[in-house]
Protein backbone atom coordinates (compact mmCIF):
# COMPACT_ATOMS: atom_id res chain seq x y z
CA MET A 1 -23.77 -8.31 79.25
CA ALA A 2 -23.64 -12.02 78.49
CA THR A 3 -23.78 -14.22 75.37
CA TRP A 4 -24.96 -17.79 75.04
CA PHE A 5 -21.71 -18.43 73.12
CA ASN A 6 -19.53 -17.74 76.19
CA MET A 7 -21.90 -19.35 78.70
CA LEU A 8 -22.36 -22.50 76.55
CA LYS A 9 -18.63 -22.75 75.86
CA ASP A 10 -17.83 -22.50 79.59
CA GLN A 11 -20.44 -25.14 80.53
CA MET A 12 -19.40 -27.55 77.77
CA THR A 13 -15.73 -27.19 78.70
CA GLN A 14 -16.45 -27.83 82.39
CA LEU A 15 -18.31 -31.02 81.49
CA GLY A 16 -15.74 -32.29 79.01
CA ASP A 17 -17.74 -31.78 75.82
CA ASP A 18 -15.93 -30.37 72.76
CA PHE A 19 -17.51 -26.97 72.06
CA ASP A 20 -16.28 -27.01 68.48
CA LYS A 21 -18.16 -30.24 67.76
CA ARG A 22 -21.54 -28.98 69.11
CA VAL A 23 -24.75 -29.08 67.13
CA CYS A 24 -27.02 -26.18 67.97
CA THR A 25 -30.36 -24.76 66.94
CA LEU A 26 -28.77 -21.25 66.99
CA ASP A 27 -25.98 -20.39 64.60
CA GLU A 28 -22.84 -18.70 65.89
CA ALA A 29 -24.26 -15.21 65.17
CA GLY A 30 -27.30 -16.07 67.30
CA LEU A 31 -25.15 -17.35 70.16
CA LEU A 32 -23.11 -14.15 70.07
CA VAL A 33 -26.08 -11.77 70.62
CA ALA A 34 -25.46 -9.98 73.92
CA PHE A 35 -28.18 -9.86 76.55
CA ASP A 36 -28.64 -9.02 80.24
CA ASP A 37 -28.42 -12.27 82.18
CA GLY A 38 -29.34 -10.74 85.51
CA PHE A 39 -32.59 -10.85 87.36
CA GLY A 40 -35.78 -9.97 85.46
CA ALA A 41 -37.34 -11.19 82.23
CA ILE A 42 -35.71 -13.82 80.04
CA ASN A 43 -33.65 -11.99 77.44
CA GLY A 44 -31.54 -14.59 75.64
CA ALA A 45 -32.88 -16.48 72.61
CA ALA A 46 -34.01 -20.04 73.19
CA PHE A 47 -31.73 -22.85 71.90
CA THR A 48 -30.90 -26.49 72.24
CA ALA A 49 -27.32 -27.68 71.77
CA TRP A 50 -25.99 -31.25 71.64
CA GLY A 51 -22.52 -32.24 72.76
CA GLU A 52 -21.06 -35.74 72.78
CA ASN A 53 -22.21 -36.37 76.36
CA TYR A 54 -24.85 -33.75 77.26
CA VAL A 55 -27.75 -31.75 75.83
CA TYR A 56 -27.65 -28.03 76.74
CA PHE A 57 -30.48 -25.51 77.03
CA PRO A 58 -31.24 -22.07 78.55
CA LEU A 59 -31.99 -22.22 82.24
CA GLU A 60 -33.68 -19.52 84.30
CA TYR A 61 -33.52 -19.63 88.07
CA ASP A 62 -34.99 -16.79 90.11
CA GLY A 63 -34.74 -14.55 87.06
CA ALA A 64 -31.03 -15.17 86.38
CA GLU A 65 -30.08 -17.00 83.19
CA SER A 66 -27.52 -19.76 82.76
CA VAL A 67 -26.99 -22.89 80.68
CA GLY A 68 -28.57 -26.10 81.93
CA HIS A 69 -27.67 -29.60 80.85
CA ALA A 70 -28.92 -33.18 80.91
CA PRO A 71 -27.16 -36.44 79.99
CA ARG A 72 -27.46 -37.15 76.28
CA ASN A 73 -28.00 -40.89 76.83
CA PRO A 74 -29.41 -41.30 80.35
CA ARG A 75 -29.55 -44.77 81.83
CA ASN A 76 -32.85 -46.09 83.03
CA THR A 77 -31.74 -47.26 86.47
CA ALA A 78 -35.33 -48.23 87.42
CA MET A 79 -35.19 -51.07 84.89
CA GLU A 80 -31.84 -52.29 86.28
CA HIS A 81 -33.38 -52.95 89.71
CA GLN A 82 -36.13 -55.27 88.52
């Protein structure tokens, strides 16, 4: 069984964001709900979390769940080349 709490904490730590300073649409109790992250239907609750550098969200790939991320303040490189 998995929890968004552990998966989000691991992802944020790997990317250098401070997990304790996150802002999240799920409270800690919601992040701690255990679910099956294996193949099959999506089981974990939806959330969005903001760190200092990235935005985090549930990600499903081939039925397995993980935490995805995107830069919080992406640069528009297309404008830099004009």
